[in-house]
Amino acid sequence: MDLAYAAADVIVSRAGAIAISELCCVGKPIILIPSPNVSENHQYKNAQSLVNKNAALLVKDRDASRKLVLMLLELLSDSSKQEKLSNNIKKLAVKDAADRIAEIALGLIK
């Protein structure tokens, strides 16, 4: 996936927590299509959280066949919007998560 992410100008993805975590580190502009088939609509909530920070765009699954291509073409033609989304999603990246978890775990042992 790292090669695919590196080659992409824009990434279209579901909005699971692991995917979003990776995409924040990648730092590319993204369009999220949350799966409606998950408990408590958590993918929509994940995606909306990024949209609220101007770090991603969102297309509802039921609208994807009508809106995704148009939104993608619009984003590809707007380098300013791409840069803004990219800069904002990079701010959300947590690149030292393993160290943080290890530190907490070691603290529990003491």
PDB file of N, CA and C in Angstrom:
ATOM      1  N   MET A   1       0.819  -1.208   0.000  1.00  0.00           N
ATOM      2  CA  MET A   1       0.000   0.000   0.000  1.00  0.00           C
ATOM      3  C   MET A   1       0.859   1.266   0.000  1.00  0.00           C
ATOM      4  N   ASP A   2       2.036   1.186   0.584  1.00  0.00           N
ATOM      5  CA  ASP A   2       2.860   2.392   0.636  1.00  0.00           C
ATOM      6  C   ASP A   2       3.198   2.913  -0.761  1.00  0.00           C
ATOM      7  N   LEU A   3       3.415   2.018  -1.706  1.00  0.00           N
ATOM      8  CA  LEU A   3       3.694   2.454  -3.081  1.00  0.00           C
ATOM      9  C   LEU A   3       2.458   3.057  -3.742  1.00  0.00           C
ATOM     10  N   ALA A   4       1.305   2.459  -3.471  1.00  0.00           N
ATOM     11  CA  ALA A   4       0.057   2.992  -4.026  1.00  0.00           C
ATOM     12  C   ALA A   4      -0.231   4.378  -3.447  1.00  0.00           C
ATOM     13  N   TYR A   5      -0.060   4.521  -2.144  1.00  0.00           N
ATOM     14  CA  TYR A   5      -0.266   5.821  -1.516  1.00  0.00           C
ATOM     15  C   TYR A   5       0.700   6.855  -2.091  1.00  0.00           C
ATOM     16  N   ALA A   6       1.949   6.476  -2.247  1.00  0.00           N
ATOM     17  CA  ALA A   6       2.960   7.411  -2.753  1.00  0.00           C
ATOM     18  C   ALA A   6       2.643   7.866  -4.174  1.00  0.00           C
ATOM     19  N   ALA A   7       2.099   6.974  -4.986  1.00  0.00           N
ATOM     20  CA  ALA A   7       1.801   7.305  -6.385  1.00  0.00           C
ATOM     21  C   ALA A   7       0.530   8.133  -6.542  1.00  0.00           C
ATOM     22  N   ALA A   8      -0.345   8.098  -5.557  1.00  0.00           N
ATOM     23  CA  ALA A   8      -1.658   8.743  -5.665  1.00  0.00           C
ATOM     24  C   ALA A   8      -1.577  10.256  -5.474  1.00  0.00           C
ATOM     25  N   ASP A   9      -2.397  10.961  -6.237  1.00  0.00           N
ATOM     26  CA  ASP A   9      -2.578  12.401  -6.008  1.00  0.00           C
ATOM     27  C   ASP A   9      -3.692  12.626  -4.998  1.00  0.00           C
ATOM     28  N   VAL A  10      -4.713  11.774  -5.070  1.00  0.00           N
ATOM     29  CA  VAL A  10      -5.865  11.816  -4.170  1.00  0.00           C
ATOM     30  C   VAL A  10      -6.198  10.373  -3.822  1.00  0.00           C
ATOM     31  N   ILE A  11      -6.637  10.143  -2.589  1.00  0.00           N
ATOM     32  CA  ILE A  11      -6.978   8.796  -2.143  1.00  0.00           C
ATOM     33  C   ILE A  11      -8.458   8.738  -1.797  1.00  0.00           C
ATOM     34  N   VAL A  12      -9.123   7.684  -2.267  1.00  0.00           N
ATOM     35  CA  VAL A  12     -10.522   7.422  -1.933  1.00  0.00           C
ATOM     36  C   VAL A  12     -10.528   6.188  -1.042  1.00  0.00           C
ATOM     37  N   SER A  13     -11.199   6.278   0.111  1.00  0.00           N
ATOM     38  CA  SER A  13     -11.132   5.192   1.087  1.00  0.00           C
ATOM     39  C   SER A  13     -12.402   5.113   1.918  1.00  0.00           C
ATOM     40  N   ARG A  14     -12.586   3.956   2.552  1.00  0.00           N
ATOM     41  CA  ARG A  14     -13.572   3.832   3.617  1.00  0.00           C
ATOM     42  C   ARG A  14     -13.039   4.621   4.798  1.00  0.00           C
ATOM     43  N   ALA A  15     -13.763   4.642   5.892  1.00  0.00           N
ATOM     44  CA  ALA A  15     -13.390   5.523   6.996  1.00  0.00           C
ATOM     45  C   ALA A  15     -13.235   4.792   8.323  1.00  0.00           C
ATOM     46  N   GLY A  16     -12.668   3.584   8.257  1.00  0.00           N
ATOM     47  CA  GLY A  16     -12.371   2.868   9.490  1.00  0.00           C
ATOM     48  C   GLY A  16     -11.223   3.542  10.224  1.00  0.00           C
ATOM     49  N   ALA A  17     -11.099   3.270  11.491  1.00  0.00           N
ATOM     50  CA  ALA A  17     -10.078   3.925  12.316  1.00  0.00           C
ATOM     51  C   ALA A  17      -8.661   3.636  11.833  1.00  0.00           C
ATOM     52  N   ILE A  18      -8.381   2.387  11.465  1.00  0.00           N
ATOM     53  CA  ILE A  18      -7.034   2.046  11.011  1.00  0.00           C
ATOM     54  C   ILE A  18      -6.723   2.761   9.690  1.00  0.00           C
ATOM     55  N   ALA A  19      -7.669   2.755   8.768  1.00  0.00           N
ATOM     56  CA  ALA A  19      -7.459   3.436   7.487  1.00  0.00           C
ATOM     57  C   ALA A  19      -7.198   4.921   7.705  1.00  0.00           C
ATOM     58  N   ILE A  20      -7.993   5.541   8.542  1.00  0.00           N
ATOM     59  CA  ILE A  20      -7.816   6.972   8.795  1.00  0.00           C
ATOM     60  C   ILE A  20      -6.476   7.248   9.464  1.00  0.00           C
ATOM     61  N   SER A  21      -6.099   6.399  10.388  1.00  0.00           N
ATOM     62  CA  SER A  21      -4.804   6.549  11.042  1.00  0.00           C
ATOM     63  C   SER A  21      -3.671   6.528  10.021  1.00  0.00           C
ATOM     64  N   GLU A  22      -3.709   5.558   9.110  1.00  0.00           N
ATOM     65  CA  GLU A  22      -2.694   5.478   8.054  1.00  0.00           C
ATOM     66  C   GLU A  22      -2.739   6.699   7.143  1.00  0.00           C
ATOM     67  N   LEU A  23      -3.942   7.095   6.756  1.00  0.00           N
ATOM     68  CA  LEU A  23      -4.085   8.204   5.817  1.00  0.00           C
ATOM     69  C   LEU A  23      -3.609   9.529   6.404  1.00  0.00           C
ATOM     70  N   CYS A  24      -3.750   9.702   7.703  1.00  0.00           N
ATOM     71  CA  CYS A  24      -3.219  10.911   8.344  1.00  0.00           C
ATOM     72  C   CYS A  24      -1.699  10.957   8.199  1.00  0.00           C
ATOM     73  N   CYS A  25      -1.052   9.811   8.344  1.00  0.00           N
ATOM     74  CA  CYS A  25       0.411   9.750   8.202  1.00  0.00           C
ATOM     75  C   CYS A  25       0.841   9.930   6.752  1.00  0.00           C
ATOM     76  N   VAL A  26       0.045   9.439   5.817  1.00  0.00           N
ATOM     77  CA  VAL A  26       0.364   9.586   4.398  1.00  0.00           C
ATOM     78  C   VAL A  26       0.294  11.052   3.986  1.00  0.00           C
ATOM     79  N   GLY A  27      -0.729  11.746   4.475  1.00  0.00           N
ATOM     80  CA  GLY A  27      -0.825  13.183   4.234  1.00  0.00           C
ATOM     81  C   GLY A  27      -1.326  13.608   2.871  1.00  0.00           C
ATOM     82  N   LYS A  28      -1.982  12.725   2.159  1.00  0.00           N
ATOM     83  CA  LYS A  28      -2.539  13.065   0.843  1.00  0.00           C
ATOM     84  C   LYS A  28      -3.983  13.536   1.017  1.00  0.00           C
ATOM     85  N   PRO A  29      -4.503  14.298   0.067  1.00  0.00           N
ATOM     86  CA  PRO A  29      -5.923  14.662   0.123  1.00  0.00           C
ATOM     87  C   PRO A  29      -6.774  13.396  -0.026  1.00  0.00           C
ATOM     88  N   ILE A  30      -7.837  13.311   0.752  1.00  0.00           N
ATOM     89  CA  ILE A  30      -8.666  12.107   0.734  1.00  0.00           C
ATOM     90  C   ILE A  30     -10.150  12.426   0.602  1.00  0.00           C
ATOM     91  N   ILE A  31     -10.820  11.472  -0.022  1.00  0.00           N
ATOM     92  CA  ILE A  31     -12.286  11.465  -0.060  1.00  0.00           C
ATOM     93  C   ILE A  31     -12.703  10.189   0.654  1.00  0.00           C
ATOM     94  N   LEU A  32     -13.476  10.331   1.689  1.00  0.00           N
ATOM     95  CA  LEU A  32     -13.913   9.186   2.479  1.00  0.00           C
ATOM     96  C   LEU A  32     -15.340   8.799   2.121  1.00  0.00           C
ATOM     97  N   ILE A  33     -15.553   7.496   2.005  1.00  0.00           N
ATOM     98  CA  ILE A  33     -16.884   6.942   1.772  1.00  0.00           C
ATOM     99  C   ILE A  33     -17.162   5.981   2.932  1.00  0.00           C
ATOM    100  N   PRO A  34     -17.763   6.463   3.999  1.00  0.00           N
ATOM    101  CA  PRO A  34     -17.999   5.604   5.160  1.00  0.00           C
ATOM    102  C   PRO A  34     -18.941   4.448   4.828  1.00  0.00           C
ATOM    103  N   SER A  35     -18.598   3.278   5.342  1.00  0.00           N
ATOM    104  CA  SER A  35     -19.483   2.128   5.170  1.00  0.00           C
ATOM    105  C   SER A  35     -20.718   2.320   6.047  1.00  0.00           C
ATOM    106  N   PRO A  36     -21.898   2.119   5.499  1.00  0.00           N
ATOM    107  CA  PRO A  36     -23.112   2.228   6.311  1.00  0.00           C
ATOM    108  C   PRO A  36     -23.391   0.944   7.087  1.00  0.00           C
ATOM    109  N   ASN A  37     -22.588  -0.086   6.859  1.00  0.00           N
ATOM    110  CA  ASN A  37     -22.840  -1.401   7.438  1.00  0.00           C
ATOM    111  C   ASN A  37     -21.965  -1.689   8.645  1.00  0.00           C
ATOM    112  N   VAL A  38     -21.776  -0.696   9.479  1.00  0.00           N
ATOM    113  CA  VAL A  38     -20.945  -0.860  10.677  1.00  0.00           C
ATOM    114  C   VAL A  38     -21.734  -0.443  11.907  1.00  0.00           C
ATOM    115  N   SER A  39     -21.294  -0.942  13.055  1.00  0.00           N
ATOM    116  CA  SER A  39     -22.022  -0.642  14.283  1.00  0.00           C
ATOM    117  C   SER A  39     -21.938   0.836  14.635  1.00  0.00           C
ATOM    118  N   GLU A  40     -23.040   1.354  15.085  1.00  0.00           N
ATOM    119  CA  GLU A  40     -23.164   2.726  15.583  1.00  0.00           C
ATOM    120  C   GLU A  40     -22.684   3.794  14.597  1.00  0.00           C
ATOM    121  N   ASN A  41     -22.689   3.445  13.312  1.00  0.00           N
ATOM    122  CA  ASN A  41     -22.322   4.401  12.263  1.00  0.00           C
ATOM    123  C   ASN A  41     -20.953   5.035  12.521  1.00  0.00           C
ATOM    124  N   HIS A  42     -20.028   4.256  13.103  1.00  0.00           N
ATOM    125  CA  HIS A  42     -18.740   4.835  13.508  1.00  0.00           C
ATOM    126  C   HIS A  42     -17.899   5.333  12.333  1.00  0.00           C
ATOM    127  N   GLN A  43     -18.005   4.728  11.154  1.00  0.00           N
ATOM    128  CA  GLN A  43     -17.204   5.233  10.035  1.00  0.00           C
ATOM    129  C   GLN A  43     -17.660   6.623   9.603  1.00  0.00           C
ATOM    130  N   TYR A  44     -18.955   6.856   9.636  1.00  0.00           N
ATOM    131  CA  TYR A  44     -19.445   8.195   9.299  1.00  0.00           C
ATOM    132  C   TYR A  44     -18.925   9.210  10.320  1.00  0.00           C
ATOM    133  N   LYS A  45     -18.964   8.840  11.590  1.00  0.00           N
ATOM    134  CA  LYS A  45     -18.480   9.741  12.647  1.00  0.00           C
ATOM    135  C   LYS A  45     -16.983  10.007  12.485  1.00  0.00           C
ATOM    136  N   ASN A  46     -16.222   8.972  12.146  1.00  0.00           N
ATOM    137  CA  ASN A  46     -14.786   9.151  11.897  1.00  0.00           C
ATOM    138  C   ASN A  46     -14.561  10.141  10.752  1.00  0.00           C
ATOM    139  N   ALA A  47     -15.267   9.910   9.656  1.00  0.00           N
ATOM    140  CA  ALA A  47     -15.110  10.766   8.475  1.00  0.00           C
ATOM    141  C   ALA A  47     -15.531  12.198   8.775  1.00  0.00           C
ATOM    142  N   GLN A  48     -16.648  12.360   9.440  1.00  0.00           N
ATOM    143  CA  GLN A  48     -17.151  13.693   9.747  1.00  0.00           C
ATOM    144  C   GLN A  48     -16.177  14.462  10.628  1.00  0.00           C
ATOM    145  N   SER A  49     -15.490  13.753  11.504  1.00  0.00           N
ATOM    146  CA  SER A  49     -14.486  14.390  12.354  1.00  0.00           C
ATOM    147  C   SER A  49     -13.387  15.031  11.511  1.00  0.00           C
ATOM    148  N   LEU A  50     -12.945  14.349  10.466  1.00  0.00           N
ATOM    149  CA  LEU A  50     -11.925  14.913   9.578  1.00  0.00           C
ATOM    150  C   LEU A  50     -12.490  16.044   8.724  1.00  0.00           C
ATOM    151  N   VAL A  51     -13.715  15.883   8.257  1.00  0.00           N
ATOM    152  CA  VAL A  51     -14.360  16.933   7.460  1.00  0.00           C
ATOM    153  C   VAL A  51     -14.471  18.211   8.291  1.00  0.00           C
ATOM    154  N   ASN A  52     -14.827  18.075   9.560  1.00  0.00           N
ATOM    155  CA  ASN A  52     -14.959  19.233  10.439  1.00  0.00           C
ATOM    156  C   ASN A  52     -13.641  19.982  10.632  1.00  0.00           C
ATOM    157  N   LYS A  53     -12.527  19.287  10.420  1.00  0.00           N
ATOM    158  CA  LYS A  53     -11.203  19.900  10.541  1.00  0.00           C
ATOM    159  C   LYS A  53     -10.640  20.284   9.170  1.00  0.00           C
ATOM    160  N   ASN A  54     -11.487  20.236   8.152  1.00  0.00           N
ATOM    161  CA  ASN A  54     -11.088  20.533   6.775  1.00  0.00           C
ATOM    162  C   ASN A  54      -9.881  19.687   6.354  1.00  0.00           C
ATOM    163  N   ALA A  55      -9.930  18.400   6.763  1.00  0.00           N
ATOM    164  CA  ALA A  55      -8.831  17.484   6.479  1.00  0.00           C
ATOM    165  C   ALA A  55      -9.244  16.369   5.511  1.00  0.00           C
ATOM    166  N   ALA A  56     -10.504  16.355   5.093  1.00  0.00           N
ATOM    167  CA  ALA A  56     -10.998  15.317   4.180  1.00  0.00           C
ATOM    168  C   ALA A  56     -12.329  15.768   3.592  1.00  0.00           C
ATOM    169  N   LEU A  57     -12.701  15.092   2.512  1.00  0.00           N
ATOM    170  CA  LEU A  57     -14.027  15.264   1.925  1.00  0.00           C
ATOM    171  C   LEU A  57     -14.804  13.975   2.179  1.00  0.00           C
ATOM    172  N   LEU A  58     -16.118  14.055   2.178  1.00  0.00           N
ATOM    173  CA  LEU A  58     -16.958  12.912   2.493  1.00  0.00           C
ATOM    174  C   LEU A  58     -18.046  12.753   1.440  1.00  0.00           C
ATOM    175  N   VAL A  59     -18.245  11.516   1.034  1.00  0.00           N
ATOM    176  CA  VAL A  59     -19.361  11.160   0.165  1.00  0.00           C
ATOM    177  C   VAL A  59     -20.079  10.002   0.844  1.00  0.00           C
ATOM    178  N   LYS A  60     -21.349  10.148   1.081  1.00  0.00           N
ATOM    179  CA  LYS A  60     -22.110   9.042   1.679  1.00  0.00           C
ATOM    180  C   LYS A  60     -22.165   7.883   0.692  1.00  0.00           C
ATOM    181  N   ASP A  61     -22.127   6.677   1.218  1.00  0.00           N
ATOM    182  CA  ASP A  61     -22.137   5.464   0.401  1.00  0.00           C
ATOM    183  C   ASP A  61     -23.298   5.466  -0.586  1.00  0.00           C
ATOM    184  N   ARG A  62     -24.474   5.860  -0.116  1.00  0.00           N
ATOM    185  CA  ARG A  62     -25.655   5.837  -0.989  1.00  0.00           C
ATOM    186  C   ARG A  62     -25.573   6.862  -2.119  1.00  0.00           C
ATOM    187  N   ASP A  63     -24.697   7.864  -1.973  1.00  0.00           N
ATOM    188  CA  ASP A  63     -24.538   8.906  -2.992  1.00  0.00           C
ATOM    189  C   ASP A  63     -23.315   8.699  -3.880  1.00  0.00           C
ATOM    190  N   ALA A  64     -22.497   7.714  -3.565  1.00  0.00           N
ATOM    191  CA  ALA A  64     -21.210   7.554  -4.242  1.00  0.00           C
ATOM    192  C   ALA A  64     -21.354   7.376  -5.753  1.00  0.00           C
ATOM    193  N   SER A  65     -22.329   6.611  -6.196  1.00  0.00           N
ATOM    194  CA  SER A  65     -22.460   6.372  -7.638  1.00  0.00           C
ATOM    195  C   SER A  65     -22.813   7.649  -8.402  1.00  0.00           C
ATOM    196  N   ARG A  66     -23.420   8.615  -7.724  1.00  0.00           N
ATOM    197  CA  ARG A  66     -23.792   9.873  -8.387  1.00  0.00           C
ATOM    198  C   ARG A  66     -22.785  10.995  -8.162  1.00  0.00           C
ATOM    199  N   LYS A  67     -22.091  10.981  -7.019  1.00  0.00           N
ATOM    200  CA  LYS A  67     -21.298  12.145  -6.645  1.00  0.00           C
ATOM    201  C   LYS A  67     -19.786  11.934  -6.622  1.00  0.00           C
ATOM    202  N   LEU A  68     -19.329  10.702  -6.480  1.00  0.00           N
ATOM    203  CA  LEU A  68     -17.899  10.478  -6.262  1.00  0.00           C
ATOM    204  C   LEU A  68     -17.041  10.959  -7.426  1.00  0.00           C
ATOM    205  N   VAL A  69     -17.362  10.570  -8.634  1.00  0.00           N
ATOM    206  CA  VAL A  69     -16.525  10.941  -9.782  1.00  0.00           C
ATOM    207  C   VAL A  69     -16.478  12.454  -9.938  1.00  0.00           C
ATOM    208  N   LEU A  70     -17.602  13.109  -9.801  1.00  0.00           N
ATOM    209  CA  LEU A  70     -17.638  14.569  -9.905  1.00  0.00           C
ATOM    210  C   LEU A  70     -16.773  15.218  -8.827  1.00  0.00           C
ATOM    211  N   MET A  71     -16.897  14.740  -7.589  1.00  0.00           N
ATOM    212  CA  MET A  71     -16.102  15.297  -6.494  1.00  0.00           C
ATOM    213  C   MET A  71     -14.609  15.043  -6.728  1.00  0.00           C
ATOM    214  N   LEU A  72     -14.280  13.856  -7.204  1.00  0.00           N
ATOM    215  CA  LEU A  72     -12.888  13.516  -7.468  1.00  0.00           C
ATOM    216  C   LEU A  72     -12.297  14.404  -8.568  1.00  0.00           C
ATOM    217  N   LEU A  73     -13.020  14.577  -9.657  1.00  0.00           N
ATOM    218  CA  LEU A  73     -12.543  15.438 -10.747  1.00  0.00           C
ATOM    219  C   LEU A  73     -12.383  16.884 -10.290  1.00  0.00           C
ATOM    220  N   GLU A  74     -13.327  17.339  -9.480  1.00  0.00           N
ATOM    221  CA  GLU A  74     -13.257  18.700  -8.950  1.00  0.00           C
ATOM    222  C   GLU A  74     -12.019  18.874  -8.073  1.00  0.00           C
ATOM    223  N   LEU A  75     -11.771  17.904  -7.214  1.00  0.00           N
ATOM    224  CA  LEU A  75     -10.608  17.982  -6.331  1.00  0.00           C
ATOM    225  C   LEU A  75      -9.304  17.900  -7.125  1.00  0.00           C
ATOM    226  N   LEU A  76      -9.250  17.033  -8.111  1.00  0.00           N
ATOM    227  CA  LEU A  76      -8.042  16.899  -8.926  1.00  0.00           C
ATOM    228  C   LEU A  76      -7.708  18.179  -9.688  1.00  0.00           C
ATOM    229  N   SER A  77      -8.721  18.977  -9.983  1.00  0.00           N
ATOM    230  CA  SER A  77      -8.490  20.224 -10.722  1.00  0.00           C
ATOM    231  C   SER A  77      -8.246  21.424  -9.810  1.00  0.00           C
ATOM    232  N   ASP A  78      -8.253  21.210  -8.509  1.00  0.00           N
ATOM    233  CA  ASP A  78      -8.096  22.311  -7.551  1.00  0.00           C
ATOM    234  C   ASP A  78      -6.879  22.052  -6.654  1.00  0.00           C
ATOM    235  N   SER A  79      -5.716  22.468  -7.105  1.00  0.00           N
ATOM    236  CA  SER A  79      -4.482  22.205  -6.349  1.00  0.00           C
ATOM    237  C   SER A  79      -4.472  22.917  -5.000  1.00  0.00           C
ATOM    238  N   SER A  80      -5.127  24.050  -4.906  1.00  0.00           N
ATOM    239  CA  SER A  80      -5.202  24.773  -3.640  1.00  0.00           C
ATOM    240  C   SER A  80      -5.982  23.962  -2.595  1.00  0.00           C
ATOM    241  N   LYS A  81      -7.100  23.391  -3.012  1.00  0.00           N
ATOM    242  CA  LYS A  81      -7.904  22.556  -2.117  1.00  0.00           C
ATOM    243  C   LYS A  81      -7.125  21.300  -1.715  1.00  0.00           C
ATOM    244  N   GLN A  82      -6.415  20.712  -2.664  1.00  0.00           N
ATOM    245  CA  GLN A  82      -5.602  19.536  -2.364  1.00  0.00           C
ATOM    246  C   GLN A  82      -4.550  19.865  -1.301  1.00  0.00           C
ATOM    247  N   GLU A  83      -3.890  20.987  -1.480  1.00  0.00           N
ATOM    248  CA  GLU A  83      -2.852  21.394  -0.529  1.00  0.00           C
ATOM    249  C   GLU A  83      -3.434  21.653   0.855  1.00  0.00           C
ATOM    250  N   LYS A  84      -4.584  22.312   0.902  1.00  0.00           N
ATOM    251  CA  LYS A  84      -5.226  22.604   2.180  1.00  0.00           C
ATOM    252  C   LYS A  84      -5.607  21.313   2.910  1.00  0.00           C
ATOM    253  N   LEU A  85      -6.240  20.375   2.186  1.00  0.00           N
ATOM    254  CA  LEU A  85      -6.627  19.103   2.792  1.00  0.00           C
ATOM    255  C   LEU A  85      -5.392  18.339   3.260  1.00  0.00           C
ATOM    256  N   SER A  86      -4.371  18.315   2.432  1.00  0.00           N
ATOM    257  CA  SER A  86      -3.139  17.610   2.762  1.00  0.00           C
ATOM    258  C   SER A  86      -2.483  18.195   4.018  1.00  0.00           C
ATOM    259  N   ASN A  87      -2.354  19.495   4.071  1.00  0.00           N
ATOM    260  CA  ASN A  87      -1.748  20.141   5.242  1.00  0.00           C
ATOM    261  C   ASN A  87      -2.548  19.859   6.511  1.00  0.00           C
ATOM    262  N   ASN A  88      -3.865  19.906   6.406  1.00  0.00           N
ATOM    263  CA  ASN A  88      -4.695  19.712   7.588  1.00  0.00           C
ATOM    264  C   ASN A  88      -4.690  18.266   8.078  1.00  0.00           C
ATOM    265  N   ILE A  89      -4.674  17.299   7.166  1.00  0.00           N
ATOM    266  CA  ILE A  89      -4.679  15.901   7.618  1.00  0.00           C
ATOM    267  C   ILE A  89      -3.325  15.530   8.225  1.00  0.00           C
ATOM    268  N   LYS A  90      -2.252  16.115   7.722  1.00  0.00           N
ATOM    269  CA  LYS A  90      -0.923  15.847   8.291  1.00  0.00           C
ATOM    270  C   LYS A  90      -0.853  16.273   9.754  1.00  0.00           C
ATOM    271  N   LYS A  91      -1.562  17.323  10.114  1.00  0.00           N
ATOM    272  CA  LYS A  91      -1.567  17.812  11.499  1.00  0.00           C
ATOM    273  C   LYS A  91      -2.196  16.800  12.453  1.00  0.00           C
ATOM    274  N   LEU A  92      -2.998  15.882  11.926  1.00  0.00           N
ATOM    275  CA  LEU A  92      -3.694  14.909  12.759  1.00  0.00           C
ATOM    276  C   LEU A  92      -2.915  13.605  12.944  1.00  0.00           C
ATOM    277  N   ALA A  93      -1.811  13.468  12.224  1.00  0.00           N
ATOM    278  CA  ALA A  93      -1.026  12.231  12.271  1.00  0.00           C
ATOM    279  C   ALA A  93      -0.391  12.028  13.645  1.00  0.00           C
ATOM    280  N   VAL A  94      -0.445  10.792  14.103  1.00  0.00           N
ATOM    281  CA  VAL A  94       0.231  10.387  15.339  1.00  0.00           C
ATOM    282  C   VAL A  94       1.268   9.349  14.925  1.00  0.00           C
ATOM    283  N   LYS A  95       2.512   9.785  14.814  1.00  0.00           N
ATOM    284  CA  LYS A  95       3.556   8.902  14.291  1.00  0.00           C
ATOM    285  C   LYS A  95       4.324   8.162  15.381  1.00  0.00           C
ATOM    286  N   ASP A  96       4.066   8.494  16.633  1.00  0.00           N
ATOM    287  CA  ASP A  96       4.770   7.826  17.725  1.00  0.00           C
ATOM    288  C   ASP A  96       3.815   7.028  18.612  1.00  0.00           C
ATOM    289  N   ALA A  97       2.767   6.491  18.027  1.00  0.00           N
ATOM    290  CA  ALA A  97       1.758   5.766  18.798  1.00  0.00           C
ATOM    291  C   ALA A  97       2.356   4.572  19.532  1.00  0.00           C
ATOM    292  N   ALA A  98       3.232   3.815  18.876  1.00  0.00           N
ATOM    293  CA  ALA A  98       3.828   2.638  19.524  1.00  0.00           C
ATOM    294  C   ALA A  98       4.629   3.054  20.754  1.00  0.00           C
ATOM    295  N   ASP A  99       5.377   4.139  20.640  1.00  0.00           N
ATOM    296  CA  ASP A  99       6.154   4.622  21.790  1.00  0.00           C
ATOM    297  C   ASP A  99       5.235   5.061  22.925  1.00  0.00           C
ATOM    298  N   ARG A 100       4.154   5.734  22.579  1.00  0.00           N
ATOM    299  CA  ARG A 100       3.208   6.194  23.607  1.00  0.00           C
ATOM    300  C   ARG A 100       2.569   5.015  24.332  1.00  0.00           C
ATOM    301  N   ILE A 101       2.174   4.017  23.570  1.00  0.00           N
ATOM    302  CA  ILE A 101       1.548   2.833  24.162  1.00  0.00           C
ATOM    303  C   ILE A 101       2.546   2.099  25.056  1.00  0.00           C
ATOM    304  N   ALA A 102       3.777   1.941  24.576  1.00  0.00           N
ATOM    305  CA  ALA A 102       4.809   1.266  25.363  1.00  0.00           C
ATOM    306  C   ALA A 102       5.076   2.012  26.662  1.00  0.00           C
ATOM    307  N   GLU A 103       5.130   3.326  26.582  1.00  0.00           N
ATOM    308  CA  GLU A 103       5.369   4.140  27.774  1.00  0.00           C
ATOM    309  C   GLU A 103       4.264   3.953  28.807  1.00  0.00           C
ATOM    310  N   ILE A 104       3.024   3.943  28.359  1.00  0.00           N
ATOM    311  CA  ILE A 104       1.892   3.733  29.266  1.00  0.00           C
ATOM    312  C   ILE A 104       1.959   2.329  29.864  1.00  0.00           C
ATOM    313  N   ALA A 105       2.239   1.324  29.036  1.00  0.00           N
ATOM    314  CA  ALA A 105       2.314  -0.054  29.520  1.00  0.00           C
ATOM    315  C   ALA A 105       3.418  -0.207  30.554  1.00  0.00           C
ATOM    316  N   LEU A 106       4.576   0.360  30.278  1.00  0.00           N
ATOM    317  CA  LEU A 106       5.677   0.293  31.241  1.00  0.00           C
ATOM    318  C   LEU A 106       5.346   1.028  32.526  1.00  0.00           C
ATOM    319  N   GLY A 107       4.609   2.110  32.416  1.00  0.00           N
ATOM    320  CA  GLY A 107       4.170   2.857  33.598  1.00  0.00           C
ATOM    321  C   GLY A 107       3.238   2.033  34.481  1.00  0.00           C
ATOM    322  N   LEU A 108       2.464   1.170  33.882  1.00  0.00           N
ATOM    323  CA  LEU A 108       1.548   0.313  34.644  1.00  0.00           C
ATOM    324  C   LEU A 108       2.297  -0.756  35.413  1.00  0.00           C
ATOM    325  N   ILE A 109       3.438  -1.148  34.905  1.00  0.00           N
ATOM    326  CA  ILE A 109       4.238  -2.197  35.559  1.00  0.00           C
ATOM    327  C   ILE A 109       4.909  -1.663  36.821  1.00  0.00           C
ATOM    328  N   LYS A 110       5.279  -0.410  36.792  1.00  0.00           N
ATOM    329  CA  LYS A 110       6.030   0.202  37.919  1.00  0.00           C
ATOM    330  C   LYS A 110       5.230   0.280  39.180  1.00  0.00           C
TER     331      LYS A 110
END
